[in-house]
Amino acid sequence: MPGNGAADPGASGKPRDPEALDRIRERALRLLARREHGVKELGDKLMRRAGTHPEDVREVVQGLADRELVSDRRYAEAFARDAVRLKPRARRLLVGELVGRGVPAPLAGRSVDAVFAEEEVDDAALARRLAEAYLPRIAGRTDAARWRRLAGYLQRRGFDNERIYEVCSAILPEVDAGAD
C-alpha cells in the first residue's frame, strides 16, 4: 500500500528489503573510495551481490551520479592516465577499451584526448617510446626478425600500419620492411 512505509514490490513481485538501498549505497561508496568507477562498471559490480534487485542498483547509481560521486568522465580520464603512464597503447585502443567498459564513445574520445594533451603525448610519441623500450628484448635477432617482432608488438598495442612503419623505419633504419 502506498504511503504506509511498506516495501514496494520489486520487479519480481517480491517485497523489497527496506534496508537494501542503504547496503547497496554503502558498498558503492566503499568501491568508489578505492578508485574511480564508471556508471556501468559500478552498477555491474553492485549487481554481483546475490539478492540485489536491479531497480535498487539503478536507483543508487543514479543518485550517486546526480551528486557527481560517480562520473564516466573522471573514470575515463583516470583509466586513460593510468594507461598512458603504466601500459601505453594507441588512442584508438584506449577509446575502444573505454567503450567496452560502458563509457559512451564521444566521452571516451574526449577523455583520452584530454589526457594525451595533459601528458603531452600523442600516438607517434607513445609508439616511439614503446619501440625504444622494446628494442633490448629483440636484440641479437636478425634484422628481419627484429622488424617483425617490433611491428607485431606495436600492432598489439593498437597502432595502425602507417604509424608502425614510420616508427620501425626510424628505429630500425638498416632493415628493409619487405626483407625476410
N, C-alpha and C. Protein backbone atom coordinates (compact mmCIF):
# COMPACT_ATOMS: atom_id res chain seq x y z
N MET A 1 0.83 -1.19 0.00
CA MET A 1 0.00 0.00 0.00
C MET A 1 0.87 1.24 0.00
N PRO A 2 0.66 2.12 -0.94
CA PRO A 2 1.47 3.32 -0.99
C PRO A 2 1.22 4.20 0.22
N GLY A 3 2.29 4.80 0.69
CA GLY A 3 2.20 5.78 1.75
C GLY A 3 2.24 5.21 3.16
N ASN A 4 2.22 3.86 3.33
CA ASN A 4 2.24 3.32 4.68
C ASN A 4 3.63 2.87 5.12
N GLY A 5 4.66 3.13 4.29
CA GLY A 5 6.04 2.78 4.66
C GLY A 5 6.39 1.35 4.33
N ALA A 6 5.48 0.57 3.78
CA ALA A 6 5.79 -0.81 3.42
C ALA A 6 6.71 -0.81 2.21
N ALA A 7 7.46 -1.89 2.10
CA ALA A 7 8.38 -2.02 0.98
C ALA A 7 7.60 -2.12 -0.32
N ASP A 8 8.09 -1.45 -1.37
CA ASP A 8 7.45 -1.55 -2.67
C ASP A 8 7.80 -2.89 -3.28
N PRO A 9 6.89 -3.47 -4.01
CA PRO A 9 7.25 -4.73 -4.65
C PRO A 9 8.27 -4.48 -5.74
N GLY A 10 9.24 -5.38 -5.84
CA GLY A 10 10.27 -5.27 -6.86
C GLY A 10 9.76 -5.78 -8.18
N ALA A 11 10.60 -5.77 -9.16
CA ALA A 11 10.23 -6.22 -10.50
C ALA A 11 9.80 -7.69 -10.47
N SER A 12 10.32 -8.46 -9.53
CA SER A 12 10.00 -9.87 -9.47
C SER A 12 8.70 -10.12 -8.71
N GLY A 13 8.08 -9.08 -8.14
CA GLY A 13 6.86 -9.23 -7.39
C GLY A 13 7.10 -9.48 -5.92
N LYS A 14 8.35 -9.69 -5.51
CA LYS A 14 8.68 -9.91 -4.10
C LYS A 14 8.83 -8.55 -3.42
N PRO A 15 8.48 -8.47 -2.13
CA PRO A 15 8.70 -7.21 -1.42
C PRO A 15 10.19 -6.89 -1.34
N ARG A 16 10.52 -5.62 -1.53
CA ARG A 16 11.93 -5.21 -1.48
C ARG A 16 12.34 -4.94 -0.04
N ASP A 17 13.57 -5.28 0.25
CA ASP A 17 14.15 -5.07 1.58
C ASP A 17 14.29 -3.56 1.80
N PRO A 18 13.69 -3.02 2.86
CA PRO A 18 13.78 -1.57 3.08
C PRO A 18 15.20 -1.09 3.37
N GLU A 19 16.08 -1.98 3.81
CA GLU A 19 17.47 -1.59 4.09
C GLU A 19 18.38 -1.86 2.90
N ALA A 20 17.84 -2.40 1.82
CA ALA A 20 18.66 -2.78 0.67
C ALA A 20 19.37 -1.57 0.06
N LEU A 21 18.66 -0.47 -0.09
CA LEU A 21 19.28 0.72 -0.69
C LEU A 21 20.46 1.20 0.14
N ASP A 22 20.32 1.17 1.46
CA ASP A 22 21.43 1.59 2.32
C ASP A 22 22.64 0.67 2.16
N ARG A 23 22.39 -0.64 2.11
CA ARG A 23 23.51 -1.59 1.95
C ARG A 23 24.19 -1.41 0.59
N ILE A 24 23.40 -1.23 -0.44
CA ILE A 24 23.96 -1.04 -1.78
C ILE A 24 24.74 0.27 -1.83
N ARG A 25 24.19 1.34 -1.26
CA ARG A 25 24.86 2.64 -1.25
C ARG A 25 26.19 2.55 -0.49
N GLU A 26 26.21 1.86 0.65
CA GLU A 26 27.45 1.70 1.42
C GLU A 26 28.49 0.94 0.61
N ARG A 27 28.07 -0.13 -0.05
CA ARG A 27 29.01 -0.89 -0.88
C ARG A 27 29.54 -0.03 -2.02
N ALA A 28 28.66 0.73 -2.65
CA ALA A 28 29.08 1.61 -3.75
C ALA A 28 30.10 2.64 -3.27
N LEU A 29 29.86 3.22 -2.12
CA LEU A 29 30.79 4.22 -1.59
C LEU A 29 32.14 3.60 -1.23
N ARG A 30 32.12 2.36 -0.73
CA ARG A 30 33.39 1.67 -0.45
C ARG A 30 34.16 1.44 -1.75
N LEU A 31 33.46 1.01 -2.80
CA LEU A 31 34.12 0.80 -4.09
C LEU A 31 34.69 2.11 -4.64
N LEU A 32 33.92 3.18 -4.52
CA LEU A 32 34.37 4.48 -5.04
C LEU A 32 35.51 5.07 -4.21
N ALA A 33 35.61 4.67 -2.94
CA ALA A 33 36.70 5.17 -2.10
C ALA A 33 38.04 4.59 -2.57
N ARG A 34 38.00 3.41 -3.18
CA ARG A 34 39.24 2.77 -3.65
C ARG A 34 39.76 3.40 -4.93
N ARG A 35 38.83 3.64 -5.89
CA ARG A 35 39.22 4.22 -7.17
C ARG A 35 37.97 4.68 -7.90
N GLU A 36 38.18 5.44 -8.99
CA GLU A 36 37.06 5.88 -9.82
C GLU A 36 36.43 4.67 -10.51
N HIS A 37 35.15 4.73 -10.70
CA HIS A 37 34.42 3.72 -11.46
C HIS A 37 33.50 4.44 -12.43
N GLY A 38 33.25 3.81 -13.55
CA GLY A 38 32.24 4.31 -14.48
C GLY A 38 30.87 3.89 -13.99
N VAL A 39 29.85 4.53 -14.50
CA VAL A 39 28.48 4.23 -14.09
C VAL A 39 28.13 2.77 -14.35
N LYS A 40 28.43 2.29 -15.55
CA LYS A 40 28.11 0.90 -15.89
C LYS A 40 28.93 -0.08 -15.04
N GLU A 41 30.21 0.20 -14.91
CA GLU A 41 31.08 -0.68 -14.13
C GLU A 41 30.61 -0.78 -12.68
N LEU A 42 30.26 0.34 -12.09
CA LEU A 42 29.79 0.33 -10.71
C LEU A 42 28.49 -0.46 -10.60
N GLY A 43 27.58 -0.22 -11.51
CA GLY A 43 26.32 -0.96 -11.49
C GLY A 43 26.53 -2.46 -11.63
N ASP A 44 27.44 -2.85 -12.53
CA ASP A 44 27.74 -4.27 -12.72
C ASP A 44 28.32 -4.89 -11.44
N LYS A 45 29.23 -4.18 -10.80
CA LYS A 45 29.82 -4.70 -9.57
C LYS A 45 28.78 -4.83 -8.46
N LEU A 46 27.90 -3.87 -8.37
CA LEU A 46 26.87 -3.92 -7.34
C LEU A 46 25.86 -5.04 -7.60
N MET A 47 25.62 -5.37 -8.85
CA MET A 47 24.68 -6.43 -9.20
C MET A 47 25.22 -7.82 -8.90
N ARG A 48 26.52 -7.95 -8.76
CA ARG A 48 27.11 -9.27 -8.49
C ARG A 48 26.71 -9.82 -7.13
N ARG A 49 26.30 -8.97 -6.24
CA ARG A 49 25.89 -9.38 -4.90
C ARG A 49 24.57 -10.14 -5.00
N ALA A 50 24.50 -11.33 -4.47
CA ALA A 50 23.29 -12.16 -4.55
C ALA A 50 22.12 -11.44 -3.89
N GLY A 51 20.97 -11.54 -4.54
CA GLY A 51 19.76 -10.97 -3.97
C GLY A 51 19.58 -9.48 -4.22
N THR A 52 20.46 -8.88 -5.01
CA THR A 52 20.36 -7.45 -5.28
C THR A 52 19.36 -7.23 -6.41
N HIS A 53 18.42 -6.35 -6.20
CA HIS A 53 17.43 -6.02 -7.22
C HIS A 53 18.00 -4.98 -8.17
N PRO A 54 17.83 -5.20 -9.47
CA PRO A 54 18.34 -4.24 -10.46
C PRO A 54 17.79 -2.83 -10.25
N GLU A 55 16.54 -2.71 -9.86
CA GLU A 55 15.96 -1.37 -9.64
C GLU A 55 16.64 -0.66 -8.47
N ASP A 56 17.00 -1.40 -7.43
CA ASP A 56 17.71 -0.80 -6.30
C ASP A 56 19.07 -0.29 -6.75
N VAL A 57 19.77 -1.10 -7.53
CA VAL A 57 21.10 -0.70 -8.01
C VAL A 57 20.98 0.53 -8.90
N ARG A 58 20.03 0.52 -9.82
CA ARG A 58 19.84 1.68 -10.70
C ARG A 58 19.56 2.94 -9.89
N GLU A 59 18.73 2.82 -8.90
CA GLU A 59 18.38 3.97 -8.07
C GLU A 59 19.60 4.52 -7.33
N VAL A 60 20.39 3.63 -6.76
CA VAL A 60 21.58 4.06 -6.02
C VAL A 60 22.60 4.69 -6.96
N VAL A 61 22.88 4.02 -8.07
CA VAL A 61 23.89 4.53 -9.01
C VAL A 61 23.44 5.88 -9.58
N GLN A 62 22.16 6.00 -9.91
CA GLN A 62 21.66 7.28 -10.43
C GLN A 62 21.80 8.38 -9.39
N GLY A 63 21.51 8.07 -8.14
CA GLY A 63 21.66 9.06 -7.07
C GLY A 63 23.11 9.49 -6.90
N LEU A 64 24.03 8.53 -7.00
CA LEU A 64 25.45 8.87 -6.89
C LEU A 64 25.91 9.70 -8.09
N ALA A 65 25.39 9.37 -9.27
CA ALA A 65 25.74 10.14 -10.47
C ALA A 65 25.17 11.55 -10.38
N ASP A 66 23.93 11.68 -9.87
CA ASP A 66 23.33 13.00 -9.71
C ASP A 66 24.15 13.89 -8.77
N ARG A 67 24.75 13.27 -7.77
CA ARG A 67 25.58 14.02 -6.82
C ARG A 67 27.05 14.06 -7.26
N GLU A 68 27.32 13.56 -8.47
CA GLU A 68 28.66 13.54 -9.07
C GLU A 68 29.67 12.77 -8.24
N LEU A 69 29.21 11.74 -7.54
CA LEU A 69 30.12 10.87 -6.81
C LEU A 69 30.65 9.76 -7.71
N VAL A 70 29.93 9.48 -8.78
CA VAL A 70 30.39 8.56 -9.82
C VAL A 70 30.27 9.31 -11.14
N SER A 71 31.34 9.23 -11.94
CA SER A 71 31.38 10.02 -13.17
C SER A 71 32.12 9.25 -14.25
N ASP A 72 31.46 9.07 -15.39
CA ASP A 72 32.13 8.41 -16.52
C ASP A 72 33.32 9.22 -17.00
N ARG A 73 33.21 10.56 -16.96
CA ARG A 73 34.32 11.40 -17.41
C ARG A 73 35.55 11.21 -16.54
N ARG A 74 35.38 11.29 -15.22
CA ARG A 74 36.52 11.10 -14.31
C ARG A 74 37.10 9.70 -14.44
N TYR A 75 36.21 8.72 -14.56
CA TYR A 75 36.65 7.34 -14.72
C TYR A 75 37.47 7.18 -16.00
N ALA A 76 36.96 7.72 -17.11
CA ALA A 76 37.66 7.59 -18.39
C ALA A 76 39.02 8.28 -18.35
N GLU A 77 39.08 9.44 -17.74
CA GLU A 77 40.36 10.16 -17.65
C GLU A 77 41.34 9.42 -16.74
N ALA A 78 40.87 8.89 -15.64
CA ALA A 78 41.76 8.12 -14.74
C ALA A 78 42.27 6.86 -15.44
N PHE A 79 41.39 6.19 -16.16
CA PHE A 79 41.77 4.98 -16.90
C PHE A 79 42.81 5.32 -17.95
N ALA A 80 42.56 6.37 -18.72
CA ALA A 80 43.49 6.77 -19.78
C ALA A 80 44.83 7.23 -19.20
N ARG A 81 44.79 7.96 -18.11
CA ARG A 81 46.02 8.44 -17.46
C ARG A 81 46.88 7.25 -17.00
N ASP A 82 46.26 6.29 -16.35
CA ASP A 82 46.99 5.09 -15.92
C ASP A 82 47.54 4.33 -17.11
N ALA A 83 46.75 4.24 -18.17
CA ALA A 83 47.19 3.53 -19.36
C ALA A 83 48.41 4.21 -19.99
N VAL A 84 48.37 5.52 -20.10
CA VAL A 84 49.49 6.24 -20.71
C VAL A 84 50.76 6.08 -19.88
N ARG A 85 50.61 6.10 -18.57
CA ARG A 85 51.78 6.02 -17.69
C ARG A 85 52.28 4.59 -17.49
N LEU A 86 51.37 3.64 -17.38
CA LEU A 86 51.76 2.28 -16.99
C LEU A 86 51.85 1.29 -18.14
N LYS A 87 50.92 1.35 -19.07
CA LYS A 87 50.91 0.41 -20.20
C LYS A 87 50.43 1.16 -21.44
N PRO A 88 51.31 1.98 -22.01
CA PRO A 88 50.90 2.82 -23.14
C PRO A 88 50.37 2.01 -24.32
N ARG A 89 49.35 2.57 -24.94
CA ARG A 89 48.78 2.00 -26.14
C ARG A 89 48.15 3.11 -26.96
N ALA A 90 47.82 2.78 -28.18
CA ALA A 90 47.29 3.77 -29.12
C ALA A 90 45.97 4.35 -28.64
N ARG A 91 45.70 5.56 -29.08
CA ARG A 91 44.47 6.27 -28.73
C ARG A 91 43.25 5.43 -29.08
N ARG A 92 43.23 4.87 -30.29
CA ARG A 92 42.04 4.13 -30.72
C ARG A 92 41.79 2.90 -29.86
N LEU A 93 42.85 2.26 -29.37
CA LEU A 93 42.69 1.10 -28.50
C LEU A 93 42.15 1.53 -27.14
N LEU A 94 42.66 2.63 -26.60
CA LEU A 94 42.16 3.15 -25.33
C LEU A 94 40.68 3.51 -25.42
N VAL A 95 40.30 4.19 -26.49
CA VAL A 95 38.90 4.57 -26.66
C VAL A 95 38.04 3.31 -26.75
N GLY A 96 38.50 2.33 -27.51
CA GLY A 96 37.76 1.08 -27.63
C GLY A 96 37.60 0.36 -26.31
N GLU A 97 38.64 0.36 -25.50
CA GLU A 97 38.57 -0.28 -24.18
C GLU A 97 37.56 0.44 -23.29
N LEU A 98 37.56 1.75 -23.33
CA LEU A 98 36.61 2.51 -22.52
C LEU A 98 35.18 2.27 -22.98
N VAL A 99 34.96 2.24 -24.28
CA VAL A 99 33.62 1.96 -24.79
C VAL A 99 33.19 0.56 -24.34
N GLY A 100 34.11 -0.39 -24.38
CA GLY A 100 33.81 -1.73 -23.91
C GLY A 100 33.48 -1.79 -22.43
N ARG A 101 33.94 -0.80 -21.68
CA ARG A 101 33.65 -0.73 -20.24
C ARG A 101 32.43 0.13 -19.94
N GLY A 102 31.70 0.52 -21.00
CA GLY A 102 30.44 1.21 -20.80
C GLY A 102 30.48 2.72 -20.89
N VAL A 103 31.62 3.30 -21.24
CA VAL A 103 31.71 4.76 -21.38
C VAL A 103 31.24 5.12 -22.80
N PRO A 104 30.36 6.09 -22.96
CA PRO A 104 29.91 6.49 -24.30
C PRO A 104 31.10 6.90 -25.17
N ALA A 105 31.08 6.49 -26.44
CA ALA A 105 32.20 6.72 -27.35
C ALA A 105 32.65 8.18 -27.44
N PRO A 106 31.74 9.15 -27.59
CA PRO A 106 32.19 10.54 -27.67
C PRO A 106 32.92 10.99 -26.39
N LEU A 107 32.41 10.58 -25.25
CA LEU A 107 33.03 10.93 -23.98
C LEU A 107 34.39 10.24 -23.84
N ALA A 108 34.48 8.98 -24.27
CA ALA A 108 35.74 8.25 -24.20
C ALA A 108 36.80 8.95 -25.06
N GLY A 109 36.42 9.35 -26.27
CA GLY A 109 37.36 10.04 -27.15
C GLY A 109 37.83 11.37 -26.57
N ARG A 110 36.90 12.15 -26.04
CA ARG A 110 37.28 13.45 -25.44
C ARG A 110 38.18 13.24 -24.23
N SER A 111 37.89 12.24 -23.43
CA SER A 111 38.69 11.98 -22.22
C SER A 111 40.11 11.56 -22.57
N VAL A 112 40.25 10.68 -23.54
CA VAL A 112 41.58 10.24 -23.96
C VAL A 112 42.34 11.42 -24.55
N ASP A 113 41.68 12.22 -25.37
CA ASP A 113 42.33 13.41 -25.94
C ASP A 113 42.79 14.36 -24.84
N ALA A 114 41.97 14.55 -23.82
CA ALA A 114 42.34 15.44 -22.72
C ALA A 114 43.56 14.92 -21.97
N VAL A 115 43.61 13.63 -21.75
CA VAL A 115 44.77 13.05 -21.04
C VAL A 115 46.01 13.12 -21.92
N PHE A 116 45.87 12.84 -23.21
CA PHE A 116 47.03 12.95 -24.10
C PHE A 116 47.58 14.38 -24.08
N ALA A 117 46.70 15.37 -24.09
CA ALA A 117 47.15 16.77 -24.04
C ALA A 117 47.81 17.07 -22.69
N GLU A 118 47.21 16.60 -21.61
CA GLU A 118 47.75 16.82 -20.27
C GLU A 118 49.12 16.17 -20.10
N GLU A 119 49.27 14.97 -20.63
CA GLU A 119 50.53 14.23 -20.52
C GLU A 119 51.52 14.62 -21.63
N GLU A 120 51.07 15.48 -22.55
CA GLU A 120 51.89 15.95 -23.67
C GLU A 120 52.44 14.79 -24.50
N VAL A 121 51.53 13.88 -24.87
CA VAL A 121 51.88 12.75 -25.73
C VAL A 121 50.86 12.65 -26.86
N ASP A 122 51.23 11.92 -27.88
CA ASP A 122 50.33 11.56 -28.96
C ASP A 122 50.70 10.15 -29.40
N ASP A 123 49.99 9.62 -30.39
CA ASP A 123 50.27 8.25 -30.82
C ASP A 123 51.71 8.09 -31.31
N ALA A 124 52.23 9.09 -31.99
CA ALA A 124 53.59 8.99 -32.51
C ALA A 124 54.60 8.90 -31.36
N ALA A 125 54.45 9.74 -30.37
CA ALA A 125 55.37 9.73 -29.22
C ALA A 125 55.26 8.44 -28.43
N LEU A 126 54.02 7.96 -28.23
CA LEU A 126 53.85 6.71 -27.48
C LEU A 126 54.44 5.53 -28.24
N ALA A 127 54.20 5.47 -29.54
CA ALA A 127 54.73 4.37 -30.34
C ALA A 127 56.25 4.36 -30.30
N ARG A 128 56.85 5.52 -30.43
CA ARG A 128 58.32 5.59 -30.41
C ARG A 128 58.85 5.19 -29.03
N ARG A 129 58.22 5.69 -27.97
CA ARG A 129 58.65 5.34 -26.61
C ARG A 129 58.55 3.84 -26.37
N LEU A 130 57.46 3.24 -26.80
CA LEU A 130 57.29 1.80 -26.66
C LEU A 130 58.33 1.03 -27.46
N ALA A 131 58.57 1.48 -28.69
CA ALA A 131 59.53 0.79 -29.55
C ALA A 131 60.94 0.85 -28.96
N GLU A 132 61.32 1.99 -28.46
CA GLU A 132 62.66 2.13 -27.87
C GLU A 132 62.81 1.25 -26.63
N ALA A 133 61.76 1.15 -25.85
CA ALA A 133 61.81 0.30 -24.66
C ALA A 133 61.82 -1.19 -25.03
N TYR A 134 61.26 -1.53 -26.17
CA TYR A 134 61.17 -2.93 -26.59
C TYR A 134 62.45 -3.42 -27.26
N LEU A 135 63.26 -2.53 -27.78
CA LEU A 135 64.47 -2.92 -28.51
C LEU A 135 65.38 -3.90 -27.77
N PRO A 136 65.66 -3.72 -26.49
CA PRO A 136 66.53 -4.68 -25.80
C PRO A 136 65.98 -6.11 -25.81
N ARG A 137 64.68 -6.25 -25.86
CA ARG A 137 64.06 -7.58 -25.86
C ARG A 137 64.26 -8.31 -27.17
N ILE A 138 64.55 -7.58 -28.23
CA ILE A 138 64.72 -8.23 -29.54
C ILE A 138 66.16 -8.13 -30.03
N ALA A 139 67.05 -7.67 -29.16
CA ALA A 139 68.47 -7.58 -29.54
C ALA A 139 69.01 -8.98 -29.83
N GLY A 140 69.92 -9.06 -30.76
CA GLY A 140 70.55 -10.33 -31.09
C GLY A 140 69.80 -11.13 -32.14
N ARG A 141 68.67 -10.68 -32.55
CA ARG A 141 67.90 -11.36 -33.59
C ARG A 141 68.29 -10.79 -34.95
N THR A 142 67.91 -11.49 -35.99
CA THR A 142 68.21 -10.98 -37.33
C THR A 142 67.44 -9.68 -37.54
N ASP A 143 67.90 -8.89 -38.48
CA ASP A 143 67.24 -7.61 -38.76
C ASP A 143 65.76 -7.80 -39.11
N ALA A 144 65.49 -8.77 -39.97
CA ALA A 144 64.11 -9.02 -40.38
C ALA A 144 63.26 -9.46 -39.18
N ALA A 145 63.81 -10.28 -38.31
CA ALA A 145 63.07 -10.75 -37.13
C ALA A 145 62.81 -9.58 -36.18
N ARG A 146 63.80 -8.69 -36.03
CA ARG A 146 63.60 -7.52 -35.17
C ARG A 146 62.47 -6.66 -35.71
N TRP A 147 62.45 -6.47 -37.01
CA TRP A 147 61.40 -5.67 -37.64
C TRP A 147 60.03 -6.31 -37.39
N ARG A 148 59.92 -7.61 -37.66
CA ARG A 148 58.64 -8.31 -37.49
C ARG A 148 58.15 -8.25 -36.05
N ARG A 149 59.06 -8.51 -35.13
CA ARG A 149 58.67 -8.54 -33.72
C ARG A 149 58.26 -7.14 -33.21
N LEU A 150 59.01 -6.14 -33.61
CA LEU A 150 58.67 -4.78 -33.19
C LEU A 150 57.33 -4.36 -33.80
N ALA A 151 57.14 -4.67 -35.08
CA ALA A 151 55.87 -4.34 -35.73
C ALA A 151 54.70 -5.06 -35.06
N GLY A 152 54.88 -6.31 -34.73
CA GLY A 152 53.82 -7.07 -34.05
C GLY A 152 53.52 -6.51 -32.67
N TYR A 153 54.57 -6.13 -31.95
CA TYR A 153 54.39 -5.56 -30.62
C TYR A 153 53.58 -4.27 -30.70
N LEU A 154 53.92 -3.40 -31.63
CA LEU A 154 53.19 -2.13 -31.78
C LEU A 154 51.77 -2.37 -32.26
N GLN A 155 51.59 -3.36 -33.11
CA GLN A 155 50.24 -3.68 -33.58
C GLN A 155 49.36 -4.16 -32.43
N ARG A 156 49.90 -4.98 -31.55
CA ARG A 156 49.14 -5.45 -30.39
C ARG A 156 48.80 -4.31 -29.44
N ARG A 157 49.55 -3.23 -29.48
CA ARG A 157 49.28 -2.06 -28.66
C ARG A 157 48.34 -1.08 -29.37
N GLY A 158 47.80 -1.49 -30.51
CA GLY A 158 46.74 -0.72 -31.16
C GLY A 158 47.17 0.30 -32.20
N PHE A 159 48.43 0.33 -32.56
CA PHE A 159 48.87 1.32 -33.54
C PHE A 159 48.57 0.83 -34.95
N ASP A 160 48.25 1.79 -35.84
CA ASP A 160 47.92 1.42 -37.21
C ASP A 160 49.19 1.16 -38.02
N ASN A 161 49.02 0.55 -39.19
CA ASN A 161 50.16 0.14 -40.01
C ASN A 161 51.05 1.31 -40.41
N GLU A 162 50.45 2.44 -40.70
CA GLU A 162 51.23 3.61 -41.10
C GLU A 162 52.16 4.05 -39.97
N ARG A 163 51.63 4.12 -38.76
CA ARG A 163 52.42 4.52 -37.60
C ARG A 163 53.52 3.49 -37.32
N ILE A 164 53.18 2.22 -37.45
CA ILE A 164 54.15 1.14 -37.20
C ILE A 164 55.30 1.24 -38.20
N TYR A 165 54.97 1.43 -39.47
CA TYR A 165 56.02 1.55 -40.49
C TYR A 165 56.90 2.76 -40.21
N GLU A 166 56.28 3.87 -39.85
CA GLU A 166 57.02 5.10 -39.54
C GLU A 166 58.01 4.88 -38.40
N VAL A 167 57.56 4.26 -37.32
CA VAL A 167 58.41 4.05 -36.15
C VAL A 167 59.48 3.00 -36.43
N CYS A 168 59.11 1.90 -37.04
CA CYS A 168 60.09 0.86 -37.35
C CYS A 168 61.17 1.38 -38.30
N SER A 169 60.77 2.16 -39.27
CA SER A 169 61.74 2.73 -40.22
C SER A 169 62.70 3.68 -39.52
N ALA A 170 62.22 4.42 -38.55
CA ALA A 170 63.08 5.37 -37.84
C ALA A 170 64.01 4.65 -36.86
N ILE A 171 63.52 3.62 -36.21
CA ILE A 171 64.31 2.95 -35.18
C ILE A 171 65.19 1.85 -35.74
N LEU A 172 64.71 1.19 -36.78
CA LEU A 172 65.47 0.11 -37.41
C LEU A 172 65.73 0.48 -38.87
N PRO A 173 66.45 1.58 -39.12
CA PRO A 173 66.59 2.07 -40.48
C PRO A 173 67.36 1.13 -41.41
N GLU A 174 68.20 0.27 -40.84
CA GLU A 174 69.00 -0.62 -41.67
C GLU A 174 68.22 -1.80 -42.23
N VAL A 175 66.99 -1.94 -41.78
CA VAL A 175 66.19 -3.10 -42.19
C VAL A 175 65.18 -2.67 -43.23
N ASP A 176 65.11 -3.42 -44.32
CA ASP A 176 64.09 -3.20 -45.33
C ASP A 176 62.83 -3.93 -44.87
N ALA A 177 61.72 -3.24 -44.81
CA ALA A 177 60.48 -3.81 -44.29
C ALA A 177 60.08 -5.07 -45.03
N GLY A 178 60.40 -5.18 -46.28
CA GLY A 178 59.99 -6.35 -47.05
C GLY A 178 60.97 -7.49 -46.99
N ALA A 179 62.13 -7.30 -46.38
CA ALA A 179 63.16 -8.36 -46.35
C ALA A 179 62.76 -9.48 -45.39
N ASP A 180 63.18 -10.66 -45.72
CA ASP A 180 62.96 -11.80 -44.83
C ASP A 180 64.19 -12.61 -44.75
